[in-house]
Amino acid sequence: MNKHDVIRAWKDPLYRASLSEEAQASLPQNPAGITELSDGQLVTAAGAAVITTARGCTEYTFLNWRSCCPTTA
């Protein structure tokens, strides 16, 4: 496999999936590291919790309205 095919296999998951099992096994490891994370790795990276603001504040921010949080001035 030439270097252009290797790079394409690293970048294009559809092309990589179209390769035979032997060709996939012979691919060198991507120098950027792993390119896909498992669900368990994603949970660990997120700290096992997703924290967000109150729904009203999120709607205000999404709709580009003025700040929903009270200001003291």
C-alpha atoms as a PDB file:
ATOM      1  CA  MET A   1       0.000   0.000   0.000  1.00  0.00           C
ATOM      2  CA  ASN A   2       1.524   3.332  -1.000  1.00  0.00           C
ATOM      3  CA  LYS A   3       1.621   6.356   1.307  1.00  0.00           C
ATOM      4  CA  HIS A   4      -1.328   8.074  -0.419  1.00  0.00           C
ATOM      5  CA  ASP A   5      -3.554   5.048   0.252  1.00  0.00           C
ATOM      6  CA  VAL A   6      -2.410   4.938   3.879  1.00  0.00           C
ATOM      7  CA  ILE A   7      -3.220   8.619   4.394  1.00  0.00           C
ATOM      8  CA  ARG A   8      -6.593   8.181   2.698  1.00  0.00           C
ATOM      9  CA  ALA A   9      -7.345   5.208   4.953  1.00  0.00           C
ATOM     10  CA  TRP A  10      -6.488   7.334   8.016  1.00  0.00           C
ATOM     11  CA  LYS A  11      -8.748  10.200   6.899  1.00  0.00           C
ATOM     12  CA  ASP A  12     -11.654   8.432   5.177  1.00  0.00           C
ATOM     13  CA  PRO A  13     -13.579   5.915   7.320  1.00  0.00           C
ATOM     14  CA  LEU A  14     -15.572   4.652   4.310  1.00  0.00           C
ATOM     15  CA  TYR A  15     -12.398   3.925   2.358  1.00  0.00           C
ATOM     16  CA  ARG A  16     -10.850   2.265   5.423  1.00  0.00           C
ATOM     17  CA  ALA A  17     -13.939   0.057   5.826  1.00  0.00           C
ATOM     18  CA  SER A  18     -13.744  -0.959   2.161  1.00  0.00           C
ATOM     19  CA  LEU A  19     -10.255  -2.416   2.643  1.00  0.00           C
ATOM     20  CA  SER A  20      -9.745  -6.113   3.271  1.00  0.00           C
ATOM     21  CA  GLU A  21      -9.049  -7.286   6.813  1.00  0.00           C
ATOM     22  CA  GLU A  22      -5.398  -7.915   5.919  1.00  0.00           C
ATOM     23  CA  ALA A  23      -5.025  -4.397   4.486  1.00  0.00           C
ATOM     24  CA  GLN A  24      -6.642  -2.850   7.563  1.00  0.00           C
ATOM     25  CA  ALA A  25      -4.358  -4.862   9.845  1.00  0.00           C
ATOM     26  CA  SER A  26      -1.274  -3.766   7.874  1.00  0.00           C
ATOM     27  CA  LEU A  27      -2.052  -0.056   8.220  1.00  0.00           C
ATOM     28  CA  PRO A  28       0.447   1.770  10.411  1.00  0.00           C
ATOM     29  CA  GLN A  29      -0.958   3.559  13.452  1.00  0.00           C
ATOM     30  CA  ASN A  30      -2.169   7.084  12.745  1.00  0.00           C
ATOM     31  CA  PRO A  31       0.485   9.543  14.019  1.00  0.00           C
ATOM     32  CA  ALA A  32      -2.290  11.752  15.419  1.00  0.00           C
ATOM     33  CA  GLY A  33      -3.352   8.917  17.713  1.00  0.00           C
ATOM     34  CA  ILE A  34      -6.741   7.272  17.927  1.00  0.00           C
ATOM     35  CA  THR A  35      -9.384   8.895  15.772  1.00  0.00           C
ATOM     36  CA  GLU A  36     -12.515   7.406  17.298  1.00  0.00           C
ATOM     37  CA  LEU A  37     -13.484   7.169  20.948  1.00  0.00           C
ATOM     38  CA  SER A  38     -15.679   4.526  22.506  1.00  0.00           C
ATOM     39  CA  ASP A  39     -18.722   5.505  24.564  1.00  0.00           C
ATOM     40  CA  GLY A  40     -16.812   4.685  27.731  1.00  0.00           C
ATOM     41  CA  GLN A  41     -13.932   6.963  26.738  1.00  0.00           C
ATOM     42  CA  LEU A  42     -16.362   9.795  25.969  1.00  0.00           C
ATOM     43  CA  VAL A  43     -18.013   9.447  29.381  1.00  0.00           C
ATOM     44  CA  THR A  44     -14.609   9.514  31.059  1.00  0.00           C
ATOM     45  CA  ALA A  45     -13.563  12.603  29.090  1.00  0.00           C
ATOM     46  CA  ALA A  46     -16.801  14.383  30.023  1.00  0.00           C
ATOM     47  CA  GLY A  47     -16.252  13.621  33.689  1.00  0.00           C
ATOM     48  CA  ALA A  48     -19.279  11.282  33.709  1.00  0.00           C
ATOM     49  CA  ALA A  49     -21.617  14.246  33.898  1.00  0.00           C
ATOM     50  CA  VAL A  50     -22.862  16.900  31.546  1.00  0.00           C
ATOM     51  CA  ILE A  51     -23.645  20.183  33.221  1.00  0.00           C
ATOM     52  CA  THR A  52     -25.642  22.854  31.475  1.00  0.00           C
ATOM     53  CA  THR A  53     -27.319  26.089  32.408  1.00  0.00           C
ATOM     54  CA  ALA A  54     -30.993  26.535  33.140  1.00  0.00           C
ATOM     55  CA  ARG A  55     -33.256  25.946  30.150  1.00  0.00           C
ATOM     56  CA  GLY A  56     -34.417  29.553  30.073  1.00  0.00           C
ATOM     57  CA  CYS A  57     -30.875  30.901  29.955  1.00  0.00           C
ATOM     58  CA  THR A  58     -29.975  28.467  27.171  1.00  0.00           C
ATOM     59  CA  GLU A  59     -32.986  29.617  25.123  1.00  0.00           C
ATOM     60  CA  TYR A  60     -32.062  33.267  25.616  1.00  0.00           C
ATOM     61  CA  THR A  61     -28.490  32.614  24.539  1.00  0.00           C
ATOM     62  CA  PHE A  62     -29.555  30.497  21.558  1.00  0.00           C
ATOM     63  CA  LEU A  63     -31.977  33.149  20.317  1.00  0.00           C
ATOM     64  CA  ASN A  64     -29.411  35.961  20.806  1.00  0.00           C
ATOM     65  CA  TRP A  65     -31.639  37.786  23.247  1.00  0.00           C
ATOM     66  CA  ARG A  66     -30.329  39.912  26.043  1.00  0.00           C
ATOM     67  CA  SER A  67     -28.821  38.119  28.991  1.00  0.00           C
ATOM     68  CA  CYS A  68     -31.393  36.274  31.065  1.00  0.00           C
ATOM     69  CA  CYS A  69     -29.296  36.456  34.196  1.00  0.00           C
ATOM     70  CA  PRO A  70     -29.949  39.433  36.476  1.00  0.00           C
ATOM     71  CA  THR A  71     -27.205  41.996  36.563  1.00  0.00           C
ATOM     72  CA  THR A  72     -26.255  44.114  39.498  1.00  0.00           C
ATOM     73  CA  ALA A  73     -25.325  47.622  38.489  1.00  0.00           C
END
